[in-house]
Amino acid sequence: MEETVVVIHGSKYPNPNTKNLFLRNLVRFGYKIFKVTPDMEYPEVREKWLSKIAKKGRDILYFDWEGKPLPKYVNKAAQDLINLIKTKDNVKIITNSIGAAIALKVSERVNNVKKIISLSGVYRKSKADVDFLDVRSKDDKFANVCKAGLNLLSFTKMKNRKLVLIEKFRHHEFQKDKQITGGNFKGMNISQILEYFLSKETQNQNI
């Protein structure tokens, strides 16, 4: 069966056209503190590692949304993606940063999403019945602080979530096809990890 792999980028915010000067500077300050480069800086890098997971029987769709990290735009992106994949049978989603929030909202409303692979995910916990591989790093302070803030008062448990820890990666480094220098995946690149989990049956245990 042909599989559809959807790739969702993270935030494109802030950009030079942002009208809210205070918010733009606040976000930039946060990026500076956590040494984060906005997702919009890496389209050509992403294309290179996406080409490495392309193969016969796999249709790769790059989902380009507005990239504003606010509920209004995340919800709109989720509905747009539902419309895009509603005729597909076997969908797997790769996400970066807040793209995970979009993928989880989609999987709450449809049943054709079989797996989500989240890189440095920023999301609110979900009851979606989908295999969720949470690939993150303790050194990614930005994603970890944002995720903790979003789930501060949440008691939701994600029964199909599997945590995959990568050593010594900052937030924006997940967007590059960087080699891992330690741990269970030492010597592998991000594209190799993606291929491994796209092809592998998920088991509910952490790595």
Protein backbone atom coordinates (compact mmCIF):
# COMPACT_ATOMS: atom_id res chain seq x y z
CA MET A 1 0.00 0.00 0.00
CA GLU A 2 1.35 3.43 -0.92
CA GLU A 3 1.96 5.67 2.05
CA THR A 4 1.64 9.43 2.18
CA VAL A 5 4.24 11.24 4.29
CA VAL A 6 3.27 14.80 5.18
CA VAL A 7 5.96 17.18 6.44
CA ILE A 8 4.88 20.14 8.61
CA HIS A 9 7.33 22.95 9.36
CA GLY A 10 7.43 24.95 12.57
CA SER A 11 6.98 28.65 13.20
CA LYS A 12 7.95 31.27 10.63
CA TYR A 13 7.51 33.95 13.25
CA PRO A 14 8.68 36.67 13.64
CA ASN A 15 9.25 38.06 10.17
CA PRO A 16 9.96 41.57 8.89
CA ASN A 17 6.28 42.11 8.00
CA THR A 18 5.02 41.47 11.54
CA LYS A 19 3.05 44.59 12.57
CA ASN A 20 3.09 43.99 16.34
CA LEU A 21 6.50 45.43 17.20
CA PHE A 22 6.33 44.47 20.89
CA LEU A 23 5.44 40.84 20.18
CA ARG A 24 8.02 40.59 17.41
CA ASN A 25 10.77 41.83 19.71
CA LEU A 26 9.57 39.60 22.56
CA VAL A 27 9.77 36.50 20.37
CA ARG A 28 13.16 37.53 19.06
CA PHE A 29 14.37 37.98 22.63
CA GLY A 30 13.19 34.47 23.47
CA TYR A 31 14.96 33.08 20.40
CA LYS A 32 18.14 34.86 21.47
CA ILE A 33 17.99 33.54 25.04
CA PHE A 34 17.53 29.94 23.86
CA LYS A 35 19.80 30.33 20.79
CA VAL A 36 17.02 29.47 18.35
CA THR A 37 16.98 30.21 14.62
CA PRO A 38 13.43 30.58 13.14
CA ASP A 39 12.25 27.68 10.98
CA MET A 40 11.98 29.88 7.90
CA GLU A 41 15.80 30.04 7.71
CA TYR A 42 16.15 26.40 6.66
CA PRO A 43 13.96 25.49 3.64
CA GLU A 44 16.88 24.47 1.42
CA VAL A 45 18.43 22.36 4.21
CA ARG A 46 15.13 20.59 4.81
CA GLU A 47 14.75 19.78 1.12
CA LYS A 48 18.08 17.94 1.17
CA TRP A 49 17.15 15.53 3.94
CA LEU A 50 13.61 15.11 2.62
CA SER A 51 15.09 13.85 -0.63
CA LYS A 52 16.85 11.12 1.36
CA ILE A 53 13.58 9.58 2.59
CA ALA A 54 11.94 9.61 -0.84
CA LYS A 55 11.39 6.14 -2.29
CA LYS A 56 9.02 4.15 -4.47
CA GLY A 57 5.60 3.74 -2.89
CA ARG A 58 5.97 6.83 -0.72
CA ASP A 59 4.32 10.12 -1.65
CA ILE A 60 5.90 13.05 0.21
CA LEU A 61 3.78 16.17 0.69
CA TYR A 62 5.30 19.34 2.12
CA PHE A 63 2.55 21.21 3.98
CA ASP A 64 3.33 24.92 4.01
CA TRP A 65 1.16 26.82 6.50
CA GLU A 66 1.30 30.45 7.69
CA GLY A 67 3.67 29.60 10.50
CA LYS A 68 2.18 31.91 13.15
CA PRO A 69 2.28 30.12 16.56
CA LEU A 70 -1.21 31.14 17.68
CA PRO A 71 -4.31 28.89 18.15
CA LYS A 72 -6.20 30.62 15.32
CA TYR A 73 -3.53 29.73 12.76
CA VAL A 74 -2.81 26.26 14.16
CA ASN A 75 -6.52 25.36 13.95
CA LYS A 76 -6.80 26.71 10.41
CA ALA A 77 -3.72 24.74 9.36
CA ALA A 78 -5.20 21.57 10.88
CA GLN A 79 -8.42 21.97 8.90
CA ASP A 80 -6.51 22.72 5.69
CA LEU A 81 -4.44 19.57 6.19
CA ILE A 82 -7.55 17.46 6.83
CA ASN A 83 -8.93 18.65 3.49
CA LEU A 84 -5.65 17.75 1.83
CA ILE A 85 -5.39 14.17 3.14
CA LYS A 86 -9.04 13.15 3.45
CA THR A 87 -8.84 10.82 0.43
CA LYS A 88 -5.59 9.18 1.59
CA ASP A 89 -5.55 5.82 3.39
CA ASN A 90 -2.12 5.49 4.98
CA VAL A 91 -0.80 8.82 6.25
CA LYS A 92 2.31 9.42 8.33
CA ILE A 93 3.31 12.91 9.47
CA ILE A 94 6.75 14.35 10.21
CA THR A 95 6.66 17.58 12.20
CA ASN A 96 9.06 20.20 13.43
CA SER A 97 8.43 22.24 16.58
CA ILE A 98 4.83 23.56 16.74
CA GLY A 99 3.99 21.49 13.67
CA ALA A 100 3.33 18.69 16.18
CA ALA A 101 0.33 20.63 17.52
CA ILE A 102 -1.18 20.71 14.02
CA ALA A 103 -0.61 16.99 13.46
CA LEU A 104 -2.23 16.05 16.78
CA LYS A 105 -5.28 18.18 16.07
CA VAL A 106 -5.63 16.49 12.68
CA SER A 107 -5.34 13.00 14.18
CA GLU A 108 -8.07 13.83 16.71
CA ARG A 109 -10.52 14.37 13.83
CA VAL A 110 -9.57 11.72 11.25
CA ASN A 111 -8.56 8.08 11.45
CA ASN A 112 -6.22 7.76 8.46
CA VAL A 113 -3.15 9.18 10.26
CA LYS A 114 -1.17 6.13 11.34
CA LYS A 115 1.95 7.72 12.82
CA ILE A 116 3.39 11.10 13.84
CA ILE A 117 7.14 11.63 14.12
CA SER A 118 7.68 14.85 16.05
CA LEU A 119 11.09 16.56 15.96
CA SER A 120 11.64 18.98 18.87
CA GLY A 121 7.87 19.13 19.39
CA VAL A 122 5.96 22.00 20.98
CA TYR A 123 2.41 20.79 21.65
CA ARG A 124 -0.39 20.36 24.17
CA LYS A 125 -0.98 16.74 25.21
CA SER A 126 -3.68 15.03 23.18
CA LYS A 127 -5.98 12.01 23.46
CA ALA A 128 -5.54 11.28 19.77
CA ASP A 129 -5.33 7.54 19.09
CA VAL A 130 -2.19 7.62 16.97
CA ASP A 131 1.39 6.37 17.31
CA PHE A 132 3.36 9.42 18.42
CA LEU A 133 7.16 9.34 18.37
CA ASP A 134 8.45 12.30 20.36
CA VAL A 135 12.04 12.87 19.19
CA ARG A 136 13.62 15.51 21.41
CA SER A 137 16.74 16.48 23.35
CA LYS A 138 17.37 17.60 26.91
CA ASP A 139 19.59 20.32 25.40
CA ASP A 140 16.64 21.79 23.48
CA LYS A 141 15.65 24.20 26.24
CA PHE A 142 13.31 26.16 23.97
CA ALA A 143 11.01 23.25 23.08
CA ASN A 144 11.11 21.78 26.57
CA VAL A 145 10.17 25.05 28.27
CA CYS A 146 7.41 25.79 25.72
CA LYS A 147 5.95 22.27 26.02
CA ALA A 148 6.03 22.42 29.82
CA GLY A 149 4.21 25.76 29.76
CA LEU A 150 1.49 24.47 27.43
CA ASN A 151 0.88 21.44 29.67
CA LEU A 152 1.22 23.11 33.06
CA LEU A 153 -2.38 22.32 34.08
CA SER A 154 -2.92 19.30 31.85
CA PHE A 155 -3.54 15.81 33.27
CA THR A 156 -3.98 14.18 29.87
CA LYS A 157 -1.90 11.05 29.26
CA MET A 158 -0.80 10.14 25.76
CA LYS A 159 -0.96 6.33 25.79
CA ASN A 160 0.70 5.90 22.38
CA ARG A 161 3.56 8.35 22.91
CA LYS A 162 7.11 7.03 22.72
CA LEU A 163 9.95 9.29 23.83
CA VAL A 164 13.12 9.16 21.73
CA LEU A 165 15.96 11.13 23.31
CA ILE A 166 18.73 12.57 21.15
CA GLU A 167 21.89 13.88 22.78
CA LYS A 168 23.24 17.42 22.40
CA PHE A 169 20.74 18.92 19.94
CA ARG A 170 19.41 22.46 20.19
CA HIS A 171 16.01 23.38 18.75
CA HIS A 172 17.01 24.54 15.27
CA GLU A 173 19.51 21.70 14.85
CA PHE A 174 16.64 19.24 14.36
CA GLN A 175 15.98 20.98 11.05
CA LYS A 176 19.39 20.02 9.73
CA ASP A 177 20.51 16.55 8.70
CA LYS A 178 23.01 16.63 11.52
CA GLN A 179 24.85 13.56 12.76
CA ILE A 180 24.12 12.37 16.31
CA THR A 181 27.22 12.09 18.46
CA GLY A 182 26.04 9.91 21.35
CA GLY A 183 23.36 7.59 22.74
CA ASN A 184 21.40 4.81 21.04
CA PHE A 185 21.48 6.56 17.65
CA LYS A 186 25.14 7.56 17.62
CA GLY A 187 26.46 7.99 14.08
CA MET A 188 23.02 8.35 12.49
CA ASN A 189 21.67 11.51 10.84
CA ILE A 190 18.16 12.92 11.29
CA SER A 191 17.13 11.58 7.85
CA GLN A 192 18.25 8.08 8.88
CA ILE A 193 16.22 8.25 12.09
CA LEU A 194 13.18 9.38 10.12
CA GLU A 195 13.55 6.50 7.68
CA TYR A 196 14.03 4.06 10.57
CA PHE A 197 10.80 5.11 12.29
CA LEU A 198 8.80 5.49 9.08
CA SER A 199 9.54 1.86 8.29
CA LYS A 200 9.43 0.42 11.81
CA GLU A 201 6.38 -0.80 13.70
CA THR A 202 6.01 1.33 16.81
CA GLN A 203 6.30 -0.23 20.24
CA ASN A 204 5.16 1.60 23.35
CA GLN A 205 8.50 2.01 25.03
CA ASN A 206 11.00 4.82 25.32
CA ILE A 207 14.40 4.81 23.63
